[in-house]
Amino acid sequence: METNSILDEIQELNLSYLLLVKRLLNDDKAMAMYRLKMDEPMADLLLSLSARELSRLARMNQLICRPNFEHAEQLEKLLRNPREQGLTQTHLALLMASV
């Protein structure tokens, strides 16, 4: 029973993620490609997907999105940074761009 619940949550998260990706790409394609670390062919493909195709893709049994942090040290630097909180967004952008 719990496995079905987890799969339902994964599918719901996938659909939410895909809808957000599509919205970001529609709003500002270049910025979305940068933030999502995707190339133009992938962006164009995602923009071309119909609602039915998005739904089918969301029903995968594994997460479509994943954290951009590949190493725990990257996340640790962001969370335990003694810098002023006002610089956190800038630091995060620089850190994410280097991944």
PDB file of N, CA and C in Angstrom:
ATOM      1  N   MET A   1       0.828  -1.195   0.000  1.00  0.00           N
ATOM      2  CA  MET A   1       0.000   0.000   0.000  1.00  0.00           C
ATOM      3  C   MET A   1       0.869   1.254   0.000  1.00  0.00           C
ATOM      4  N   GLU A   2       1.928   1.277   0.825  1.00  0.00           N
ATOM      5  CA  GLU A   2       2.789   2.445   0.900  1.00  0.00           C
ATOM      6  C   GLU A   2       3.526   2.667  -0.419  1.00  0.00           C
ATOM      7  N   THR A   3       3.872   1.591  -1.123  1.00  0.00           N
ATOM      8  CA  THR A   3       4.549   1.721  -2.409  1.00  0.00           C
ATOM      9  C   THR A   3       3.678   2.468  -3.405  1.00  0.00           C
ATOM     10  N   ASN A   4       2.385   2.156  -3.432  1.00  0.00           N
ATOM     11  CA  ASN A   4       1.480   2.862  -4.332  1.00  0.00           C
ATOM     12  C   ASN A   4       1.399   4.339  -3.988  1.00  0.00           C
ATOM     13  N   SER A   5       1.401   4.655  -2.716  1.00  0.00           N
ATOM     14  CA  SER A   5       1.352   6.044  -2.280  1.00  0.00           C
ATOM     15  C   SER A   5       2.604   6.799  -2.722  1.00  0.00           C
ATOM     16  N   ILE A   6       3.752   6.168  -2.576  1.00  0.00           N
ATOM     17  CA  ILE A   6       5.009   6.788  -2.994  1.00  0.00           C
ATOM     18  C   ILE A   6       5.013   6.986  -4.503  1.00  0.00           C
ATOM     19  N   LEU A   7       4.564   5.998  -5.255  1.00  0.00           N
ATOM     20  CA  LEU A   7       4.511   6.136  -6.714  1.00  0.00           C
ATOM     21  C   LEU A   7       3.558   7.250  -7.132  1.00  0.00           C
ATOM     22  N   ASP A   8       2.438   7.357  -6.447  1.00  0.00           N
ATOM     23  CA  ASP A   8       1.498   8.448  -6.734  1.00  0.00           C
ATOM     24  C   ASP A   8       2.155   9.806  -6.485  1.00  0.00           C
ATOM     25  N   GLU A   9       2.894   9.910  -5.393  1.00  0.00           N
ATOM     26  CA  GLU A   9       3.564  11.166  -5.072  1.00  0.00           C
ATOM     27  C   GLU A   9       4.652  11.496  -6.093  1.00  0.00           C
ATOM     28  N   ILE A  10       5.383  10.490  -6.532  1.00  0.00           N
ATOM     29  CA  ILE A  10       6.409  10.702  -7.563  1.00  0.00           C
ATOM     30  C   ILE A  10       5.765  11.198  -8.842  1.00  0.00           C
ATOM     31  N   GLN A  11       4.669  10.580  -9.235  1.00  0.00           N
ATOM     32  CA  GLN A  11       3.986  10.983 -10.458  1.00  0.00           C
ATOM     33  C   GLN A  11       3.421  12.396 -10.347  1.00  0.00           C
ATOM     34  N   GLU A  12       2.900  12.744  -9.188  1.00  0.00           N
ATOM     35  CA  GLU A  12       2.381  14.092  -8.976  1.00  0.00           C
ATOM     36  C   GLU A  12       3.508  15.123  -9.026  1.00  0.00           C
ATOM     37  N   LEU A  13       4.624  14.791  -8.397  1.00  0.00           N
ATOM     38  CA  LEU A  13       5.788  15.684  -8.429  1.00  0.00           C
ATOM     39  C   LEU A  13       6.301  15.839  -9.862  1.00  0.00           C
ATOM     40  N   ASN A  14       6.365  14.746 -10.605  1.00  0.00           N
ATOM     41  CA  ASN A  14       6.810  14.804 -12.000  1.00  0.00           C
ATOM     42  C   ASN A  14       5.928  15.738 -12.825  1.00  0.00           C
ATOM     43  N   LEU A  15       4.630  15.618 -12.659  1.00  0.00           N
ATOM     44  CA  LEU A  15       3.719  16.461 -13.429  1.00  0.00           C
ATOM     45  C   LEU A  15       3.888  17.926 -13.041  1.00  0.00           C
ATOM     46  N   SER A  16       3.990  18.193 -11.753  1.00  0.00           N
ATOM     47  CA  SER A  16       4.199  19.569 -11.301  1.00  0.00           C
ATOM     48  C   SER A  16       5.495  20.132 -11.871  1.00  0.00           C
ATOM     49  N   TYR A  17       6.538  19.331 -11.843  1.00  0.00           N
ATOM     50  CA  TYR A  17       7.830  19.761 -12.375  1.00  0.00           C
ATOM     51  C   TYR A  17       7.734  20.056 -13.870  1.00  0.00           C
ATOM     52  N   LEU A  18       7.117  19.165 -14.619  1.00  0.00           N
ATOM     53  CA  LEU A  18       6.998  19.368 -16.065  1.00  0.00           C
ATOM     54  C   LEU A  18       6.173  20.611 -16.397  1.00  0.00           C
ATOM     55  N   LEU A  19       5.131  20.843 -15.649  1.00  0.00           N
ATOM     56  CA  LEU A  19       4.323  22.044 -15.873  1.00  0.00           C
ATOM     57  C   LEU A  19       5.115  23.304 -15.547  1.00  0.00           C
ATOM     58  N   LEU A  20       5.907  23.257 -14.488  1.00  0.00           N
ATOM     59  CA  LEU A  20       6.760  24.397 -14.143  1.00  0.00           C
ATOM     60  C   LEU A  20       7.808  24.632 -15.226  1.00  0.00           C
ATOM     61  N   VAL A  21       8.422  23.570 -15.699  1.00  0.00           N
ATOM     62  CA  VAL A  21       9.424  23.688 -16.767  1.00  0.00           C
ATOM     63  C   VAL A  21       8.813  24.345 -17.993  1.00  0.00           C
ATOM     64  N   LYS A  22       7.649  23.883 -18.361  1.00  0.00           N
ATOM     65  CA  LYS A  22       6.986  24.437 -19.542  1.00  0.00           C
ATOM     66  C   LYS A  22       6.652  25.920 -19.332  1.00  0.00           C
ATOM     67  N   ARG A  23       6.206  26.274 -18.149  1.00  0.00           N
ATOM     68  CA  ARG A  23       5.892  27.679 -17.853  1.00  0.00           C
ATOM     69  C   ARG A  23       7.150  28.549 -17.898  1.00  0.00           C
ATOM     70  N   LEU A  24       8.233  28.053 -17.304  1.00  0.00           N
ATOM     71  CA  LEU A  24       9.492  28.798 -17.336  1.00  0.00           C
ATOM     72  C   LEU A  24       9.978  28.989 -18.767  1.00  0.00           C
ATOM     73  N   LEU A  25       9.885  27.944 -19.570  1.00  0.00           N
ATOM     74  CA  LEU A  25      10.325  28.036 -20.957  1.00  0.00           C
ATOM     75  C   LEU A  25       9.461  29.007 -21.751  1.00  0.00           C
ATOM     76  N   ASN A  26       8.184  29.026 -21.490  1.00  0.00           N
ATOM     77  CA  ASN A  26       7.303  29.963 -22.190  1.00  0.00           C
ATOM     78  C   ASN A  26       7.567  31.409 -21.777  1.00  0.00           C
ATOM     79  N   ASP A  27       7.888  31.623 -20.509  1.00  0.00           N
ATOM     80  CA  ASP A  27       8.112  32.981 -20.002  1.00  0.00           C
ATOM     81  C   ASP A  27       9.426  33.571 -20.501  1.00  0.00           C
ATOM     82  N   ASP A  28      10.504  32.811 -20.395  1.00  0.00           N
ATOM     83  CA  ASP A  28      11.830  33.289 -20.802  1.00  0.00           C
ATOM     84  C   ASP A  28      12.688  32.065 -21.111  1.00  0.00           C
ATOM     85  N   LYS A  29      12.688  31.682 -22.372  1.00  0.00           N
ATOM     86  CA  LYS A  29      13.331  30.438 -22.777  1.00  0.00           C
ATOM     87  C   LYS A  29      14.821  30.407 -22.431  1.00  0.00           C
ATOM     88  N   ALA A  30      15.536  31.480 -22.727  1.00  0.00           N
ATOM     89  CA  ALA A  30      16.986  31.500 -22.475  1.00  0.00           C
ATOM     90  C   ALA A  30      17.285  31.355 -20.975  1.00  0.00           C
ATOM     91  N   MET A  31      16.565  32.084 -20.146  1.00  0.00           N
ATOM     92  CA  MET A  31      16.791  32.004 -18.699  1.00  0.00           C
ATOM     93  C   MET A  31      16.410  30.615 -18.180  1.00  0.00           C
ATOM     94  N   ALA A  32      15.319  30.071 -18.676  1.00  0.00           N
ATOM     95  CA  ALA A  32      14.890  28.738 -18.243  1.00  0.00           C
ATOM     96  C   ALA A  32      15.928  27.682 -18.621  1.00  0.00           C
ATOM     97  N   MET A  33      16.459  27.778 -19.818  1.00  0.00           N
ATOM     98  CA  MET A  33      17.480  26.817 -20.254  1.00  0.00           C
ATOM     99  C   MET A  33      18.700  26.894 -19.342  1.00  0.00           C
ATOM    100  N   TYR A  34      19.075  28.105 -18.957  1.00  0.00           N
ATOM    101  CA  TYR A  34      20.213  28.294 -18.052  1.00  0.00           C
ATOM    102  C   TYR A  34      19.905  27.706 -16.675  1.00  0.00           C
ATOM    103  N   ARG A  35      18.751  28.055 -16.131  1.00  0.00           N
ATOM    104  CA  ARG A  35      18.392  27.585 -14.789  1.00  0.00           C
ATOM    105  C   ARG A  35      18.211  26.072 -14.733  1.00  0.00           C
ATOM    106  N   LEU A  36      17.663  25.503 -15.794  1.00  0.00           N
ATOM    107  CA  LEU A  36      17.378  24.073 -15.813  1.00  0.00           C
ATOM    108  C   LEU A  36      18.525  23.246 -16.384  1.00  0.00           C
ATOM    109  N   LYS A  37      19.579  23.950 -16.849  1.00  0.00           N
ATOM    110  CA  LYS A  37      20.749  23.286 -17.426  1.00  0.00           C
ATOM    111  C   LYS A  37      20.341  22.341 -18.559  1.00  0.00           C
ATOM    112  N   MET A  38      19.603  22.891 -19.511  1.00  0.00           N
ATOM    113  CA  MET A  38      19.188  22.084 -20.659  1.00  0.00           C
ATOM    114  C   MET A  38      19.548  22.805 -21.941  1.00  0.00           C
ATOM    115  N   ASP A  39      19.737  22.028 -22.987  1.00  0.00           N
ATOM    116  CA  ASP A  39      20.069  22.630 -24.270  1.00  0.00           C
ATOM    117  C   ASP A  39      18.800  22.972 -25.046  1.00  0.00           C
ATOM    118  N   GLU A  40      18.960  23.660 -26.159  1.00  0.00           N
ATOM    119  CA  GLU A  40      17.809  24.143 -26.910  1.00  0.00           C
ATOM    120  C   GLU A  40      16.960  23.013 -27.503  1.00  0.00           C
ATOM    121  N   PRO A  41      17.564  21.940 -28.032  1.00  0.00           N
ATOM    122  CA  PRO A  41      16.715  20.850 -28.536  1.00  0.00           C
ATOM    123  C   PRO A  41      15.797  20.263 -27.461  1.00  0.00           C
ATOM    124  N   MET A  42      16.324  20.112 -26.232  1.00  0.00           N
ATOM    125  CA  MET A  42      15.490  19.593 -25.134  1.00  0.00           C
ATOM    126  C   MET A  42      14.392  20.588 -24.793  1.00  0.00           C
ATOM    127  N   ALA A  43      14.743  21.875 -24.752  1.00  0.00           N
ATOM    128  CA  ALA A  43      13.751  22.911 -24.449  1.00  0.00           C
ATOM    129  C   ALA A  43      12.645  22.901 -25.500  1.00  0.00           C
ATOM    130  N   ASP A  44      13.026  22.824 -26.760  1.00  0.00           N
ATOM    131  CA  ASP A  44      12.037  22.806 -27.838  1.00  0.00           C
ATOM    132  C   ASP A  44      11.146  21.569 -27.764  1.00  0.00           C
ATOM    133  N   LEU A  45      11.750  20.447 -27.444  1.00  0.00           N
ATOM    134  CA  LEU A  45      10.966  19.214 -27.324  1.00  0.00           C
ATOM    135  C   LEU A  45       9.951  19.329 -26.194  1.00  0.00           C
ATOM    136  N   LEU A  46      10.386  19.823 -25.036  1.00  0.00           N
ATOM    137  CA  LEU A  46       9.466  19.967 -23.909  1.00  0.00           C
ATOM    138  C   LEU A  46       8.354  20.958 -24.216  1.00  0.00           C
ATOM    139  N   LEU A  47       8.688  22.039 -24.926  1.00  0.00           N
ATOM    140  CA  LEU A  47       7.665  23.018 -25.306  1.00  0.00           C
ATOM    141  C   LEU A  47       6.639  22.431 -26.268  1.00  0.00           C
ATOM    142  N   SER A  48       7.059  21.476 -27.053  1.00  0.00           N
ATOM    143  CA  SER A  48       6.159  20.904 -28.064  1.00  0.00           C
ATOM    144  C   SER A  48       5.236  19.814 -27.521  1.00  0.00           C
ATOM    145  N   LEU A  49       5.469  19.349 -26.292  1.00  0.00           N
ATOM    146  CA  LEU A  49       4.675  18.251 -25.741  1.00  0.00           C
ATOM    147  C   LEU A  49       3.235  18.690 -25.463  1.00  0.00           C
ATOM    148  N   SER A  50       2.317  17.816 -25.808  1.00  0.00           N
ATOM    149  CA  SER A  50       0.906  18.069 -25.514  1.00  0.00           C
ATOM    150  C   SER A  50       0.626  17.711 -24.058  1.00  0.00           C
ATOM    151  N   ALA A  51      -0.541  18.068 -23.577  1.00  0.00           N
ATOM    152  CA  ALA A  51      -0.934  17.731 -22.204  1.00  0.00           C
ATOM    153  C   ALA A  51      -0.938  16.220 -22.002  1.00  0.00           C
ATOM    154  N   ARG A  52      -1.375  15.494 -22.999  1.00  0.00           N
ATOM    155  CA  ARG A  52      -1.399  14.028 -22.902  1.00  0.00           C
ATOM    156  C   ARG A  52       0.017  13.472 -22.795  1.00  0.00           C
ATOM    157  N   GLU A  53       0.938  14.013 -23.583  1.00  0.00           N
ATOM    158  CA  GLU A  53       2.329  13.551 -23.536  1.00  0.00           C
ATOM    159  C   GLU A  53       2.984  13.913 -22.205  1.00  0.00           C
ATOM    160  N   LEU A  54       2.699  15.099 -21.693  1.00  0.00           N
ATOM    161  CA  LEU A  54       3.218  15.479 -20.378  1.00  0.00           C
ATOM    162  C   LEU A  54       2.719  14.531 -19.297  1.00  0.00           C
ATOM    163  N   SER A  55       1.452  14.209 -19.366  1.00  0.00           N
ATOM    164  CA  SER A  55       0.857  13.309 -18.383  1.00  0.00           C
ATOM    165  C   SER A  55       1.489  11.915 -18.472  1.00  0.00           C
ATOM    166  N   ARG A  56       1.707  11.450 -19.675  1.00  0.00           N
ATOM    167  CA  ARG A  56       2.317  10.128 -19.863  1.00  0.00           C
ATOM    168  C   ARG A  56       3.751  10.123 -19.327  1.00  0.00           C
ATOM    169  N   LEU A  57       4.484  11.190 -19.617  1.00  0.00           N
ATOM    170  CA  LEU A  57       5.852  11.297 -19.130  1.00  0.00           C
ATOM    171  C   LEU A  57       5.891  11.376 -17.602  1.00  0.00           C
ATOM    172  N   ALA A  58       4.933  12.058 -17.015  1.00  0.00           N
ATOM    173  CA  ALA A  58       4.876  12.204 -15.553  1.00  0.00           C
ATOM    174  C   ALA A  58       4.596  10.887 -14.851  1.00  0.00           C
ATOM    175  N   ARG A  59       3.989   9.941 -15.532  1.00  0.00           N
ATOM    176  CA  ARG A  59       3.632   8.665 -14.908  1.00  0.00           C
ATOM    177  C   ARG A  59       4.796   7.686 -14.804  1.00  0.00           C
ATOM    178  N   MET A  60       6.003   8.157 -15.069  1.00  0.00           N
ATOM    179  CA  MET A  60       7.174   7.292 -14.888  1.00  0.00           C
ATOM    180  C   MET A  60       7.299   6.923 -13.417  1.00  0.00           C
ATOM    181  N   ASN A  61       7.946   5.812 -13.137  1.00  0.00           N
ATOM    182  CA  ASN A  61       8.112   5.354 -11.756  1.00  0.00           C
ATOM    183  C   ASN A  61       9.368   5.909 -11.097  1.00  0.00           C
ATOM    184  N   GLN A  62      10.008   6.870 -11.749  1.00  0.00           N
ATOM    185  CA  GLN A  62      11.183   7.498 -11.156  1.00  0.00           C
ATOM    186  C   GLN A  62      11.100   9.001 -11.344  1.00  0.00           C
ATOM    187  N   LEU A  63      11.796   9.716 -10.481  1.00  0.00           N
ATOM    188  CA  LEU A  63      11.746  11.169 -10.527  1.00  0.00           C
ATOM    189  C   LEU A  63      12.394  11.696 -11.799  1.00  0.00           C
ATOM    190  N   ILE A  64      11.744  12.684 -12.397  1.00  0.00           N
ATOM    191  CA  ILE A  64      12.295  13.336 -13.578  1.00  0.00           C
ATOM    192  C   ILE A  64      13.293  14.413 -13.159  1.00  0.00           C
ATOM    193  N   CYS A  65      12.998  15.114 -12.087  1.00  0.00           N
ATOM    194  CA  CYS A  65      13.895  16.168 -11.607  1.00  0.00           C
ATOM    195  C   CYS A  65      14.843  15.582 -10.565  1.00  0.00           C
ATOM    196  N   ARG A  66      15.958  16.263 -10.411  1.00  0.00           N
ATOM    197  CA  ARG A  66      16.918  15.849  -9.389  1.00  0.00           C
ATOM    198  C   ARG A  66      17.659  17.080  -8.904  1.00  0.00           C
ATOM    199  N   PRO A  67      18.218  17.010  -7.704  1.00  0.00           N
ATOM    200  CA  PRO A  67      18.974  18.154  -7.195  1.00  0.00           C
ATOM    201  C   PRO A  67      20.196  18.437  -8.076  1.00  0.00           C
ATOM    202  N   ASN A  68      20.526  19.702  -8.219  1.00  0.00           N
ATOM    203  CA  ASN A  68      21.709  20.067  -8.993  1.00  0.00           C
ATOM    204  C   ASN A  68      22.992  19.872  -8.221  1.00  0.00           C
ATOM    205  N   PHE A  69      22.893  19.670  -6.934  1.00  0.00           N
ATOM    206  CA  PHE A  69      24.080  19.471  -6.114  1.00  0.00           C
ATOM    207  C   PHE A  69      24.547  18.029  -6.259  1.00  0.00           C
ATOM    208  N   GLU A  70      25.742  17.858  -6.788  1.00  0.00           N
ATOM    209  CA  GLU A  70      26.268  16.516  -6.967  1.00  0.00           C
ATOM    210  C   GLU A  70      27.092  16.066  -5.771  1.00  0.00           C
ATOM    211  N   HIS A  71      27.580  17.050  -5.004  1.00  0.00           N
ATOM    212  CA  HIS A  71      28.424  16.736  -3.862  1.00  0.00           C
ATOM    213  C   HIS A  71      27.863  17.411  -2.615  1.00  0.00           C
ATOM    214  N   ALA A  72      27.944  16.726  -1.516  1.00  0.00           N
ATOM    215  CA  ALA A  72      27.424  17.263  -0.258  1.00  0.00           C
ATOM    216  C   ALA A  72      28.117  18.567   0.117  1.00  0.00           C
ATOM    217  N   GLU A  73      29.384  18.709  -0.278  1.00  0.00           N
ATOM    218  CA  GLU A  73      30.126  19.924   0.063  1.00  0.00           C
ATOM    219  C   GLU A  73      29.470  21.163  -0.551  1.00  0.00           C
ATOM    220  N   GLN A  74      28.901  21.039  -1.750  1.00  0.00           N
ATOM    221  CA  GLN A  74      28.247  22.172  -2.399  1.00  0.00           C
ATOM    222  C   GLN A  74      27.054  22.647  -1.565  1.00  0.00           C
ATOM    223  N   LEU A  75      26.250  21.721  -1.139  1.00  0.00           N
ATOM    224  CA  LEU A  75      25.086  22.058  -0.330  1.00  0.00           C
ATOM    225  C   LEU A  75      25.519  22.588   1.035  1.00  0.00           C
ATOM    226  N   GLU A  76      26.536  21.982   1.591  1.00  0.00           N
ATOM    227  CA  GLU A  76      27.054  22.421   2.891  1.00  0.00           C
ATOM    228  C   GLU A  76      27.534  23.869   2.816  1.00  0.00           C
ATOM    229  N   LYS A  77      28.241  24.234   1.761  1.00  0.00           N
ATOM    230  CA  LYS A  77      28.725  25.608   1.594  1.00  0.00           C
ATOM    231  C   LYS A  77      27.562  26.592   1.535  1.00  0.00           C
ATOM    232  N   LEU A  78      26.516  26.198   0.865  1.00  0.00           N
ATOM    233  CA  LEU A  78      25.364  27.072   0.732  1.00  0.00           C
ATOM    234  C   LEU A  78      24.634  27.245   2.065  1.00  0.00           C
ATOM    235  N   LEU A  79      24.437  26.162   2.774  1.00  0.00           N
ATOM    236  CA  LEU A  79      23.661  26.206   4.008  1.00  0.00           C
ATOM    237  C   LEU A  79      24.439  26.753   5.197  1.00  0.00           C
ATOM    238  N   ARG A  80      25.719  26.523   5.247  1.00  0.00           N
ATOM    239  CA  ARG A  80      26.523  26.915   6.404  1.00  0.00           C
ATOM    240  C   ARG A  80      27.394  28.137   6.101  1.00  0.00           C
ATOM    241  N   ASN A  81      27.011  28.899   5.112  1.00  0.00           N
ATOM    242  CA  ASN A  81      27.791  30.046   4.687  1.00  0.00           C
ATOM    243  C   ASN A  81      27.646  31.184   5.699  1.00  0.00           C
ATOM    244  N   PRO A  82      28.760  31.696   6.240  1.00  0.00           N
ATOM    245  CA  PRO A  82      28.672  32.779   7.222  1.00  0.00           C
ATOM    246  C   PRO A  82      28.420  34.156   6.593  1.00  0.00           C
ATOM    247  N   ARG A  83      28.353  34.219   5.282  1.00  0.00           N
ATOM    248  CA  ARG A  83      28.132  35.505   4.617  1.00  0.00           C
ATOM    249  C   ARG A  83      26.773  36.078   4.977  1.00  0.00           C
ATOM    250  N   GLU A  84      26.646  37.346   4.732  1.00  0.00           N
ATOM    251  CA  GLU A  84      25.376  38.026   4.982  1.00  0.00           C
ATOM    252  C   GLU A  84      24.276  37.364   4.159  1.00  0.00           C
ATOM    253  N   GLN A  85      23.095  37.236   4.745  1.00  0.00           N
ATOM    254  CA  GLN A  85      21.973  36.581   4.075  1.00  0.00           C
ATOM    255  C   GLN A  85      21.612  37.243   2.756  1.00  0.00           C
ATOM    256  N   GLY A  86      21.854  38.538   2.626  1.00  0.00           N
ATOM    257  CA  GLY A  86      21.525  39.241   1.393  1.00  0.00           C
ATOM    258  C   GLY A  86      22.309  38.754   0.200  1.00  0.00           C
ATOM    259  N   LEU A  87      23.446  38.131   0.445  1.00  0.00           N
ATOM    260  CA  LEU A  87      24.277  37.627  -0.643  1.00  0.00           C
ATOM    261  C   LEU A  87      23.986  36.165  -0.967  1.00  0.00           C
ATOM    262  N   THR A  88      23.105  35.539  -0.243  1.00  0.00           N
ATOM    263  CA  THR A  88      22.833  34.120  -0.429  1.00  0.00           C
ATOM    264  C   THR A  88      22.359  33.810  -1.846  1.00  0.00           C
ATOM    265  N   GLN A  89      21.457  34.625  -2.382  1.00  0.00           N
ATOM    266  CA  GLN A  89      20.948  34.380  -3.740  1.00  0.00           C
ATOM    267  C   GLN A  89      22.070  34.480  -4.770  1.00  0.00           C
ATOM    268  N   THR A  90      22.921  35.474  -4.627  1.00  0.00           N
ATOM    269  CA  THR A  90      24.046  35.636  -5.548  1.00  0.00           C
ATOM    270  C   THR A  90      25.004  34.465  -5.428  1.00  0.00           C
ATOM    271  N   HIS A  91      25.309  34.080  -4.202  1.00  0.00           N
ATOM    272  CA  HIS A  91      26.207  32.957  -3.986  1.00  0.00           C
ATOM    273  C   HIS A  91      25.612  31.678  -4.563  1.00  0.00           C
ATOM    274  N   LEU A  92      24.330  31.471  -4.371  1.00  0.00           N
ATOM    275  CA  LEU A  92      23.662  30.292  -4.907  1.00  0.00           C
ATOM    276  C   LEU A  92      23.744  30.280  -6.427  1.00  0.00           C
ATOM    277  N   ALA A  93      23.502  31.416  -7.067  1.00  0.00           N
ATOM    278  CA  ALA A  93      23.562  31.485  -8.527  1.00  0.00           C
ATOM    279  C   ALA A  93      24.959  31.140  -9.031  1.00  0.00           C
ATOM    280  N   LEU A  94      25.980  31.659  -8.366  1.00  0.00           N
ATOM    281  CA  LEU A  94      27.351  31.351  -8.766  1.00  0.00           C
ATOM    282  C   LEU A  94      27.685  29.884  -8.545  1.00  0.00           C
ATOM    283  N   LEU A  95      27.252  29.361  -7.421  1.00  0.00           N
ATOM    284  CA  LEU A  95      27.501  27.960  -7.114  1.00  0.00           C
ATOM    285  C   LEU A  95      26.808  27.045  -8.111  1.00  0.00           C
ATOM    286  N   MET A  96      25.562  27.361  -8.435  1.00  0.00           N
ATOM    287  CA  MET A  96      24.794  26.533  -9.366  1.00  0.00           C
ATOM    288  C   MET A  96      25.376  26.626 -10.781  1.00  0.00           C
ATOM    289  N   ALA A  97      25.897  27.781 -11.163  1.00  0.00           N
ATOM    290  CA  ALA A  97      26.472  27.950 -12.495  1.00  0.00           C
ATOM    291  C   ALA A  97      27.743  27.134 -12.654  1.00  0.00           C
ATOM    292  N   SER A  98      28.412  26.854 -11.552  1.00  0.00           N
ATOM    293  CA  SER A  98      29.664  26.109 -11.626  1.00  0.00           C
ATOM    294  C   SER A  98      29.460  24.599 -11.641  1.00  0.00           C
ATOM    295  N   VAL A  99      28.240  24.138 -11.453  1.00  0.00           N
ATOM    296  CA  VAL A  99      27.969  22.696 -11.399  1.00  0.00           C
ATOM    297  C   VAL A  99      27.959  22.130 -12.791  1.00  0.00           C
TER     298      VAL A  99
END
